Structure formats: C-alpha cells, structure tokens
Amino acid sequence: MTKIYKRTIRSGQRIFYDGNIVIIGDVNSGAEVVATGNIIVLGVVRGIVHAGADGNYKAFIAAYELQPEQIRIADVISRSPDDKMNKPKIPEVAKIKGKFISIEPYLPNKLI
C-alpha cells in the first residue's frame, strides 16, 4: 500500500505509515517521516527519513534533493556531511550498499 501526502511536512510533524510514502512537497528540518516501505519525496528532504522501518534492507529513499538531518534504512543510520557540497540538482536515491547507506544520482532502471 502507498500513502500520498500533497503537502510539505513541517518541523515538529511526524508521519508514520505501514507501507510506502510519497510526499509531494518538502520534508523540512525538524520533521520526521517513517515508512515500512519506500519513501519518495517530490521535493527536498531536510528532516529525518526512515524507510524500511520494519527491517526491510531493500527499501529506498528517493528525492529531488537529499539533505537529511538523519537518514535510515532498516537499522542502518547515516546523516548528511557537515560541509555543504555543491551537488548537481538532479534527483537522488539512497539505498543500502554493503553495510552503509549510499546516496547516488537517480538513474532510471537502476533503482533496484
């Protein structure tokens, strides 16, 4: 099942869904989005995002831009680097590679 939110998730808001979440808007700093499935954000992620919250290591997080305070997939946790990098403005996807979360440019047909 997939739940669609057509709004920006603001600081202090927490969303949990047992399935996939699609957000048409941003995830602001101080907001938290948790899903047992995948998380797709048609906007910028600045808050906390946790996909595969039930232990699904194949879950992924995709967004137009990933700048999360914290990012989690299953029980693997990471955060954005302290230094601001100039990244190209293209969609990104985060998934587990080995024991770490890898954030890469989104390339169609290479998600799984």
C-alpha atoms as a PDB file:
ATOM      1  CA  MET A   1       0.000   0.000   0.000  1.00  0.00           C
ATOM      2  CA  THR A   2       1.104   3.559  -0.680  1.00  0.00           C
ATOM      3  CA  LYS A   3       0.041   6.744   1.121  1.00  0.00           C
ATOM      4  CA  ILE A   4       0.327  10.052  -0.762  1.00  0.00           C
ATOM      5  CA  TYR A   5       0.734  13.372   1.060  1.00  0.00           C
ATOM      6  CA  LYS A   6       0.188  16.509  -1.035  1.00  0.00           C
ATOM      7  CA  ARG A   7       1.849  18.979   1.302  1.00  0.00           C
ATOM      8  CA  THR A   8       5.131  19.958   2.887  1.00  0.00           C
ATOM      9  CA  ILE A   9       5.898  18.164   6.150  1.00  0.00           C
ATOM     10  CA  ARG A  10       6.817  20.876   8.632  1.00  0.00           C
ATOM     11  CA  SER A  11       9.095  20.967  11.682  1.00  0.00           C
ATOM     12  CA  GLY A  12       7.554  19.044  14.582  1.00  0.00           C
ATOM     13  CA  GLN A  13       5.336  16.879  12.372  1.00  0.00           C
ATOM     14  CA  ARG A  14       5.827  13.109  12.347  1.00  0.00           C
ATOM     15  CA  ILE A  15       4.355  10.797   9.732  1.00  0.00           C
ATOM     16  CA  PHE A  16       4.329   7.006  10.051  1.00  0.00           C
ATOM     17  CA  TYR A  17       2.822   4.608   7.529  1.00  0.00           C
ATOM     18  CA  ASP A  18       2.896   0.820   7.238  1.00  0.00           C
ATOM     19  CA  GLY A  19       3.783   0.786   3.538  1.00  0.00           C
ATOM     20  CA  ASN A  20       5.249   3.232   1.015  1.00  0.00           C
ATOM     21  CA  ILE A  21       5.032   7.016   1.373  1.00  0.00           C
ATOM     22  CA  VAL A  22       5.016   9.562  -1.462  1.00  0.00           C
ATOM     23  CA  ILE A  23       5.261  13.222  -0.479  1.00  0.00           C
ATOM     24  CA  ILE A  24       4.503  15.946  -2.990  1.00  0.00           C
ATOM     25  CA  GLY A  25       6.316  18.727  -1.175  1.00  0.00           C
ATOM     26  CA  ASP A  26       9.351  19.027   1.086  1.00  0.00           C
ATOM     27  CA  VAL A  27      10.345  17.406   4.376  1.00  0.00           C
ATOM     28  CA  ASN A  28      11.550  20.356   6.445  1.00  0.00           C
ATOM     29  CA  SER A  29      14.218  20.297   9.140  1.00  0.00           C
ATOM     30  CA  GLY A  30      12.696  19.016  12.372  1.00  0.00           C
ATOM     31  CA  ALA A  31      10.106  16.844  10.574  1.00  0.00           C
ATOM     32  CA  GLU A  32      10.178  13.044  10.608  1.00  0.00           C
ATOM     33  CA  VAL A  33       8.879  10.569   8.023  1.00  0.00           C
ATOM     34  CA  VAL A  34       8.865   6.837   8.819  1.00  0.00           C
ATOM     35  CA  ALA A  35       7.676   4.058   6.491  1.00  0.00           C
ATOM     36  CA  THR A  36       7.950   0.289   6.498  1.00  0.00           C
ATOM     37  CA  GLY A  37       8.349   0.528   2.717  1.00  0.00           C
ATOM     38  CA  ASN A  38       9.971   3.103   0.450  1.00  0.00           C
ATOM     39  CA  ILE A  39       9.871   6.901   0.746  1.00  0.00           C
ATOM     40  CA  ILE A  40       9.655   9.114  -2.333  1.00  0.00           C
ATOM     41  CA  VAL A  41       9.739  12.895  -1.928  1.00  0.00           C
ATOM     42  CA  LEU A  42       8.936  15.169  -4.849  1.00  0.00           C
ATOM     43  CA  GLY A  43      10.859  17.950  -3.166  1.00  0.00           C
ATOM     44  CA  VAL A  44      13.788  18.458  -0.792  1.00  0.00           C
ATOM     45  CA  VAL A  45      14.469  16.309   2.293  1.00  0.00           C
ATOM     46  CA  ARG A  46      15.965  18.286   5.195  1.00  0.00           C
ATOM     47  CA  GLY A  47      14.441  16.404   8.131  1.00  0.00           C
ATOM     48  CA  ILE A  48      14.628  12.791   9.317  1.00  0.00           C
ATOM     49  CA  VAL A  49      13.579   9.986   6.948  1.00  0.00           C
ATOM     50  CA  HIS A  50      13.414   6.276   7.831  1.00  0.00           C
ATOM     51  CA  ALA A  51      12.471   3.739   5.152  1.00  0.00           C
ATOM     52  CA  GLY A  52      12.209   0.011   5.791  1.00  0.00           C
ATOM     53  CA  ALA A  53      11.359   0.658   9.436  1.00  0.00           C
ATOM     54  CA  ASP A  54      10.320  -2.982   9.877  1.00  0.00           C
ATOM     55  CA  GLY A  55      13.791  -4.211   8.849  1.00  0.00           C
ATOM     56  CA  ASN A  56      13.429  -4.094   5.048  1.00  0.00           C
ATOM     57  CA  TYR A  57      17.011  -3.692   3.780  1.00  0.00           C
ATOM     58  CA  LYS A  58      15.772  -3.400   0.175  1.00  0.00           C
ATOM     59  CA  ALA A  59      13.796  -0.220   0.896  1.00  0.00           C
ATOM     60  CA  PHE A  60      14.985   3.035  -0.644  1.00  0.00           C
ATOM     61  CA  ILE A  61      14.544   6.788  -0.270  1.00  0.00           C
ATOM     62  CA  ALA A  62      14.309   8.979  -3.359  1.00  0.00           C
ATOM     63  CA  ALA A  63      14.001  12.767  -3.572  1.00  0.00           C
ATOM     64  CA  TYR A  64      14.734  15.707  -5.817  1.00  0.00           C
ATOM     65  CA  GLU A  65      17.401  16.641  -3.269  1.00  0.00           C
ATOM     66  CA  LEU A  66      18.636  14.777  -0.174  1.00  0.00           C
ATOM     67  CA  GLN A  67      19.979  16.983   2.643  1.00  0.00           C
ATOM     68  CA  PRO A  68      18.631  14.998   5.617  1.00  0.00           C
ATOM     69  CA  GLU A  69      19.402  15.615   9.263  1.00  0.00           C
ATOM     70  CA  GLN A  70      19.359  11.839   9.525  1.00  0.00           C
ATOM     71  CA  ILE A  71      18.589   9.079   7.062  1.00  0.00           C
ATOM     72  CA  ARG A  72      17.783   5.475   7.989  1.00  0.00           C
ATOM     73  CA  ILE A  73      17.072   2.351   6.016  1.00  0.00           C
ATOM     74  CA  ALA A  74      16.138  -0.631   8.190  1.00  0.00           C
ATOM     75  CA  ASP A  75      18.638  -0.360  11.087  1.00  0.00           C
ATOM     76  CA  VAL A  76      21.383   1.414   9.092  1.00  0.00           C
ATOM     77  CA  ILE A  77      21.740   5.097  10.049  1.00  0.00           C
ATOM     78  CA  SER A  78      23.589   7.962   8.378  1.00  0.00           C
ATOM     79  CA  ARG A  79      23.442  11.741   8.188  1.00  0.00           C
ATOM     80  CA  SER A  80      24.474  14.486   5.795  1.00  0.00           C
ATOM     81  CA  PRO A  81      28.082  15.668   5.900  1.00  0.00           C
ATOM     82  CA  ASP A  82      28.754  18.837   7.916  1.00  0.00           C
ATOM     83  CA  ASP A  83      30.301  20.648   4.954  1.00  0.00           C
ATOM     84  CA  LYS A  84      27.933  21.893   2.282  1.00  0.00           C
ATOM     85  CA  MET A  85      28.839  20.326  -1.031  1.00  0.00           C
ATOM     86  CA  ASN A  86      27.788  21.705  -4.389  1.00  0.00           C
ATOM     87  CA  LYS A  87      25.836  18.777  -5.762  1.00  0.00           C
ATOM     88  CA  PRO A  88      24.203  18.749  -9.169  1.00  0.00           C
ATOM     89  CA  LYS A  89      20.477  19.470  -8.994  1.00  0.00           C
ATOM     90  CA  ILE A  90      19.238  16.063 -10.084  1.00  0.00           C
ATOM     91  CA  PRO A  91      17.061  13.526  -8.262  1.00  0.00           C
ATOM     92  CA  GLU A  92      18.859  11.253  -5.806  1.00  0.00           C
ATOM     93  CA  VAL A  93      18.242   7.828  -4.338  1.00  0.00           C
ATOM     94  CA  ALA A  94      19.519   6.364  -1.086  1.00  0.00           C
ATOM     95  CA  LYS A  95      19.815   2.619  -0.632  1.00  0.00           C
ATOM     96  CA  ILE A  96      21.911   0.170   1.311  1.00  0.00           C
ATOM     97  CA  LYS A  97      25.147  -0.986  -0.258  1.00  0.00           C
ATOM     98  CA  GLY A  98      27.054  -3.431   1.898  1.00  0.00           C
ATOM     99  CA  LYS A  99      26.786  -2.113   5.455  1.00  0.00           C
ATOM    100  CA  PHE A 100      26.300   1.558   4.560  1.00  0.00           C
ATOM    101  CA  ILE A 101      23.722   3.882   3.016  1.00  0.00           C
ATOM    102  CA  SER A 102      24.764   5.103  -0.415  1.00  0.00           C
ATOM    103  CA  ILE A 103      23.276   8.244  -1.990  1.00  0.00           C
ATOM    104  CA  GLU A 104      23.575   8.364  -5.762  1.00  0.00           C
ATOM    105  CA  PRO A 105      22.031  10.259  -8.656  1.00  0.00           C
ATOM    106  CA  TYR A 106      18.767   8.637  -9.699  1.00  0.00           C
ATOM    107  CA  LEU A 107      19.173   6.749 -12.944  1.00  0.00           C
ATOM    108  CA  PRO A 108      16.025   5.094 -14.348  1.00  0.00           C
ATOM    109  CA  ASN A 109      16.190   1.273 -14.461  1.00  0.00           C
ATOM    110  CA  LYS A 110      18.994   1.227 -11.840  1.00  0.00           C
ATOM    111  CA  LEU A 111      16.861   1.630  -8.699  1.00  0.00           C
ATOM    112  CA  ILE A 112      16.877  -1.992  -7.601  1.00  0.00           C
END
